[in-house]
C-alpha atoms as a PDB file:
ATOM      1  CA  MET A   1     -78.986-214.997 432.942  1.00  0.00           C
ATOM      2  CA  SER A   2     -76.133-214.108 435.277  1.00  0.00           C
ATOM      3  CA  ASN A   3     -76.217-211.083 437.528  1.00  0.00           C
ATOM      4  CA  LEU A   4     -74.547-208.402 435.391  1.00  0.00           C
ATOM      5  CA  LEU A   5     -73.958-206.202 438.393  1.00  0.00           C
ATOM      6  CA  ASN A   6     -72.811-208.936 440.784  1.00  0.00           C
ATOM      7  CA  ASN A   7     -74.488-207.133 443.666  1.00  0.00           C
ATOM      8  CA  ARG A   8     -72.607-208.475 446.687  1.00  0.00           C
ATOM      9  CA  ILE A   9     -73.885-205.997 449.228  1.00  0.00           C
ATOM     10  CA  ASN A  10     -77.446-204.805 449.493  1.00  0.00           C
ATOM     11  CA  THR A  11     -78.012-203.148 452.833  1.00  0.00           C
ATOM     12  CA  VAL A  12     -77.716-199.943 454.799  1.00  0.00           C
ATOM     13  CA  ALA A  13     -76.757-199.396 458.397  1.00  0.00           C
ATOM     14  CA  THR A  14     -79.605-198.480 460.685  1.00  0.00           C
ATOM     15  CA  ALA A  15     -79.444-195.250 462.646  1.00  0.00           C
ATOM     16  CA  ALA A  16     -79.071-197.365 465.789  1.00  0.00           C
ATOM     17  CA  GLN A  17     -76.122-199.264 464.284  1.00  0.00           C
ATOM     18  CA  ILE A  18     -74.343-196.035 463.305  1.00  0.00           C
ATOM     19  CA  ALA A  19     -75.040-194.489 466.724  1.00  0.00           C
ATOM     20  CA  GLY A  20     -73.790-197.654 468.455  1.00  0.00           C
ATOM     21  CA  ALA A  21     -70.616-197.762 466.357  1.00  0.00           C
ATOM     22  CA  LYS A  22     -69.907-194.077 467.047  1.00  0.00           C
ATOM     23  CA  ALA A  23     -70.482-194.585 470.768  1.00  0.00           C
ATOM     24  CA  ALA A  24     -68.161-197.599 470.776  1.00  0.00           C
ATOM     25  CA  LEU A  25     -65.431-195.578 469.055  1.00  0.00           C
ATOM     26  CA  GLN A  26     -65.864-192.683 471.467  1.00  0.00           C
ATOM     27  CA  ASN A  27     -65.766-195.141 474.366  1.00  0.00           C
ATOM     28  CA  PHE A  28     -62.605-196.663 472.912  1.00  0.00           C
ATOM     29  CA  GLY A  29     -60.913-193.266 472.993  1.00  0.00           C
ATOM     30  CA  ALA A  30     -62.245-192.555 476.491  1.00  0.00           C
ATOM     31  CA  ASN A  31     -60.701-195.813 477.711  1.00  0.00           C
ATOM     32  CA  LEU A  32     -57.288-194.610 476.537  1.00  0.00           C
ATOM     33  CA  PRO A  33     -57.247-190.946 477.635  1.00  0.00           C
ATOM     34  CA  PHE A  34     -53.465-190.725 477.241  1.00  0.00           C
ATOM     35  CA  LEU A  35     -53.611-191.088 473.445  1.00  0.00           C
ATOM     36  CA  ILE A  36     -52.079-188.072 471.772  1.00  0.00           C
ATOM     37  CA  GLY A  37     -51.996-186.470 468.344  1.00  0.00           C
ATOM     38  CA  LEU A  38     -48.818-185.420 466.603  1.00  0.00           C
ATOM     39  CA  THR A  39     -48.243-182.866 463.886  1.00  0.00           C
ATOM     40  CA  LYS A  40     -46.969-184.094 460.535  1.00  0.00           C
ATOM     41  CA  LYS A  41     -43.564-182.633 461.350  1.00  0.00           C
ATOM     42  CA  GLU A  42     -43.468-184.415 464.705  1.00  0.00           C
ATOM     43  CA  ARG A  43     -44.387-187.687 463.003  1.00  0.00           C
ATOM     44  CA  ASP A  44     -41.670-187.166 460.406  1.00  0.00           C
ATOM     45  CA  ASP A  45     -39.065-186.339 463.059  1.00  0.00           C
ATOM     46  CA  LEU A  46     -39.738-189.326 465.323  1.00  0.00           C
ATOM     47  CA  VAL A  47     -38.199-192.754 464.839  1.00  0.00           C
ATOM     48  CA  GLY A  48     -40.500-195.716 465.319  1.00  0.00           C
ATOM     49  CA  ILE A  49     -39.829-199.317 466.194  1.00  0.00           C
ATOM     50  CA  ASP A  50     -39.740-202.032 463.573  1.00  0.00           C
ATOM     51  CA  VAL A  51     -38.880-205.704 463.987  1.00  0.00           C
ATOM     52  CA  ASP A  52     -35.127-205.121 463.895  1.00  0.00           C
ATOM     53  CA  ASN A  53     -34.895-202.163 466.235  1.00  0.00           C
ATOM     54  CA  LYS A  54     -37.495-203.621 468.615  1.00  0.00           C
ATOM     55  CA  ALA A  55     -35.024-206.400 469.359  1.00  0.00           C
ATOM     56  CA  TYR A  56     -32.376-203.705 469.815  1.00  0.00           C
ATOM     57  CA  VAL A  57     -34.575-201.810 472.298  1.00  0.00           C
ATOM     58  CA  GLU A  58     -35.342-205.012 474.219  1.00  0.00           C
ATOM     59  CA  ASP A  59     -31.646-205.914 474.319  1.00  0.00           C
ATOM     60  CA  ALA A  60     -30.741-202.394 475.502  1.00  0.00           C
ATOM     61  CA  LEU A  61     -33.438-202.524 478.196  1.00  0.00           C
ATOM     62  CA  ASN A  62     -32.241-205.905 479.456  1.00  0.00           C
ATOM     63  CA  SER A  63     -28.634-204.686 479.383  1.00  0.00           C
ATOM     64  CA  GLY A  64     -29.583-201.605 481.400  1.00  0.00           C
ATOM     65  CA  ILE A  65     -31.592-203.618 483.931  1.00  0.00           C
ATOM     66  CA  ASN A  66     -28.786-206.133 484.430  1.00  0.00           C
ATOM     67  CA  ASN A  67     -25.928-203.603 484.249  1.00  0.00           C
ATOM     68  CA  PRO A  68     -27.069-200.346 485.887  1.00  0.00           C
ATOM     69  CA  ALA A  69     -23.508-199.001 485.865  1.00  0.00           C
ATOM     70  CA  VAL A  70     -23.682-198.540 482.064  1.00  0.00           C
ATOM     71  CA  VAL A  71     -26.916-196.531 482.188  1.00  0.00           C
ATOM     72  CA  PRO A  72     -26.340-192.756 481.994  1.00  0.00           C
ATOM     73  CA  SER A  73     -27.802-190.853 484.942  1.00  0.00           C
ATOM     74  CA  PHE A  74     -30.237-188.972 482.682  1.00  0.00           C
ATOM     75  CA  ALA A  75     -31.729-192.219 481.240  1.00  0.00           C
ATOM     76  CA  SER A  76     -34.609-193.863 483.099  1.00  0.00           C
ATOM     77  CA  ILE A  77     -34.949-197.628 482.866  1.00  0.00           C
ATOM     78  CA  PRO A  78     -38.424-197.556 484.507  1.00  0.00           C
ATOM     79  CA  ASN A  79     -39.621-194.988 481.923  1.00  0.00           C
ATOM     80  CA  MET A  80     -38.143-197.078 479.129  1.00  0.00           C
ATOM     81  CA  GLN A  81     -39.977-200.145 480.458  1.00  0.00           C
ATOM     82  CA  LEU A  82     -43.245-198.181 480.521  1.00  0.00           C
ATOM     83  CA  ASP A  83     -42.693-196.934 476.964  1.00  0.00           C
ATOM     84  CA  LEU A  84     -41.967-200.412 475.627  1.00  0.00           C
ATOM     85  CA  THR A  85     -44.901-201.947 477.492  1.00  0.00           C
ATOM     86  CA  LEU A  86     -47.260-199.280 476.128  1.00  0.00           C
ATOM     87  CA  PHE A  87     -45.874-199.804 472.624  1.00  0.00           C
ATOM     88  CA  ASN A  88     -46.603-203.529 472.875  1.00  0.00           C
ATOM     89  CA  GLN A  89     -50.105-202.959 474.276  1.00  0.00           C
ATOM     90  CA  LEU A  90     -50.970-200.488 471.531  1.00  0.00           C
ATOM     91  CA  ASP A  91     -49.455-202.766 468.887  1.00  0.00           C
ATOM     92  CA  GLU A  92     -52.023-205.418 469.804  1.00  0.00           C
ATOM     93  CA  LEU A  93     -54.865-202.882 469.563  1.00  0.00           C
ATOM     94  CA  LYS A  94     -53.471-201.428 466.341  1.00  0.00           C
ATOM     95  CA  LEU A  95     -53.789-204.796 464.585  1.00  0.00           C
ATOM     96  CA  LEU A  96     -57.446-205.100 465.602  1.00  0.00           C
ATOM     97  CA  ILE A  97     -58.148-201.506 464.518  1.00  0.00           C
ATOM     98  CA  THR A  98     -56.336-202.033 461.218  1.00  0.00           C
ATOM     99  CA  GLN A  99     -58.368-205.167 460.530  1.00  0.00           C
ATOM    100  CA  LEU A 100     -61.605-203.330 461.325  1.00  0.00           C
ATOM    101  CA  LEU A 101     -60.612-200.312 459.210  1.00  0.00           C
ATOM    102  CA  GLU A 102     -59.792-202.644 456.313  1.00  0.00           C
ATOM    103  CA  ARG A 103     -63.268-204.173 456.521  1.00  0.00           C
ATOM    104  CA  VAL A 104     -64.899-200.720 456.690  1.00  0.00           C
ATOM    105  CA  GLU A 105     -62.874-199.513 453.688  1.00  0.00           C
ATOM    106  CA  ASP A 106     -63.534-202.719 451.721  1.00  0.00           C
ATOM    107  CA  THR A 107     -67.272-202.498 452.374  1.00  0.00           C
ATOM    108  CA  GLN A 108     -67.302-198.806 451.439  1.00  0.00           C
ATOM    109  CA  LEU A 109     -65.337-199.527 448.243  1.00  0.00           C
ATOM    110  CA  LEU A 110     -67.644-202.372 447.254  1.00  0.00           C
ATOM    111  CA  ALA A 111     -70.764-200.249 447.857  1.00  0.00           C
ATOM    112  CA  ALA A 112     -69.282-197.379 445.843  1.00  0.00           C
ATOM    113  CA  SER A 113     -68.232-199.681 443.011  1.00  0.00           C
ATOM    114  CA  GLU A 114     -71.665-201.269 442.810  1.00  0.00           C
ATOM    115  CA  ALA A 115     -73.356-197.849 442.773  1.00  0.00           C
ATOM    116  CA  LEU A 116     -70.989-196.604 440.055  1.00  0.00           C
ATOM    117  CA  ASN A 117     -71.472-199.708 437.926  1.00  0.00           C
ATOM    118  CA  THR A 118     -75.244-199.386 438.182  1.00  0.00           C
ATOM    119  CA  SER A 119     -74.906-195.702 437.243  1.00  0.00           C
ATOM    120  CA  LYS A 120     -73.079-196.690 434.073  1.00  0.00           C
ATOM    121  CA  PHE A 121     -75.871-199.104 433.155  1.00  0.00           C
ATOM    122  CA  ILE A 122     -78.456-196.393 433.746  1.00  0.00           C
ATOM    123  CA  TYR A 123     -76.470-194.068 431.495  1.00  0.00           C
ATOM    124  CA  GLY A 124     -76.255-196.742 428.810  1.00  0.00           C
ATOM    125  CA  GLY A 125     -79.982-197.372 429.134  1.00  0.00           C
ATOM    126  CA  ALA A 126     -80.715-193.648 428.829  1.00  0.00           C
ATOM    127  CA  LYS A 127     -78.548-193.440 425.696  1.00  0.00           C
ATOM    128  CA  ALA A 128     -80.425-196.343 424.147  1.00  0.00           C
ATOM    129  CA  ALA A 129     -83.737-194.752 425.137  1.00  0.00           C
ATOM    130  CA  ALA A 130     -82.686-191.409 423.628  1.00  0.00           C
ATOM    131  CA  GLU A 131     -81.730-193.127 420.370  1.00  0.00           C
ATOM    132  CA  ALA A 132     -85.152-194.792 420.361  1.00  0.00           C
ATOM    133  CA  GLY A 133     -86.827-191.418 420.844  1.00  0.00           C
ATOM    134  CA  VAL A 134     -88.090-191.952 424.401  1.00  0.00           C
ATOM    135  CA  PRO A 135     -89.268-188.568 425.731  1.00  0.00           C
ATOM    136  CA  GLY A 136     -87.035-187.112 428.457  1.00  0.00           C
ATOM    137  CA  ALA A 137     -84.123-189.479 427.778  1.00  0.00           C
ATOM    138  CA  ASP A 138     -82.071-186.748 426.088  1.00  0.00           C
ATOM    139  CA  ALA A 139     -82.085-184.717 429.320  1.00  0.00           C
ATOM    140  CA  ILE A 140     -80.809-187.715 431.277  1.00  0.00           C
ATOM    141  CA  VAL A 141     -78.037-188.333 428.736  1.00  0.00           C
ATOM    142  CA  ALA A 142     -77.048-184.648 428.861  1.00  0.00           C
ATOM    143  CA  LEU A 143     -76.897-184.755 432.661  1.00  0.00           C
ATOM    144  CA  LEU A 144     -74.966-188.019 432.951  1.00  0.00           C
ATOM    145  CA  SER A 145     -72.613-187.420 430.007  1.00  0.00           C
ATOM    146  CA  LYS A 146     -70.926-184.606 431.982  1.00  0.00           C
ATOM    147  CA  ARG A 147     -69.084-187.310 433.926  1.00  0.00           C
ATOM    148  CA  PHE A 148     -67.297-188.439 430.755  1.00  0.00           C
ATOM    149  CA  GLU A 149     -66.402-185.035 429.245  1.00  0.00           C
ATOM    150  CA  GLY A 150     -62.766-184.728 428.250  1.00  0.00           C
ATOM    151  CA  GLN A 151     -62.097-188.451 428.506  1.00  0.00           C
ATOM    152  CA  GLY A 152     -61.682-189.184 424.808  1.00  0.00           C
ATOM    153  CA  ASN A 153     -63.458-191.998 423.058  1.00  0.00           C
ATOM    154  CA  ARG A 154     -63.859-194.348 425.986  1.00  0.00           C
ATOM    155  CA  GLN A 155     -66.584-196.891 425.614  1.00  0.00           C
ATOM    156  CA  ILE A 156     -69.624-196.502 427.851  1.00  0.00           C
ATOM    157  CA  PRO A 157     -71.226-199.823 428.687  1.00  0.00           C
ATOM    158  CA  PRO A 158     -74.299-200.597 426.606  1.00  0.00           C
ATOM    159  CA  ALA A 159     -77.719-200.693 428.144  1.00  0.00           C
ATOM    160  CA  PRO A 160     -78.503-203.977 429.842  1.00  0.00           C
ATOM    161  CA  PRO A 161     -80.484-206.423 427.742  1.00  0.00           C
ATOM    162  CA  THR A 162     -84.198-206.364 428.356  1.00  0.00           C
ATOM    163  CA  SER A 163     -86.161-209.534 428.816  1.00  0.00           C
END
């Protein structure tokens, strides 16, 4: 018989693992004390760099370095160089963080999906038990059926076959 639940993950993090991960994240932030937070409005008002305008910024920087006469007195080439360098440094870190976040979210989604699927089988088993007159099964069905109220005539998975 195949695994009806396809349980791909069957573990929990130890307290030491969670504490270590939290410490690593706090240490990450401590290593970059200049990181800032923006309001939603600030984020919406700022223009970021994409592939096309990154080339534009690099071309403008090189033009300013090689032709200082065209640079307005209020513009700072050294500050622009710092900004672009920091952008590039953070871009490298952002990819690693994004990859890690994707793995955390995927693992969390898989664990949640497996728990929900098992819950549906338990509900189906309780319904079958209630129909067979098993004492206490009606209370379980009443409790678990609340999840499906107002959802029409959707099919609830049947109880798993017993061997």
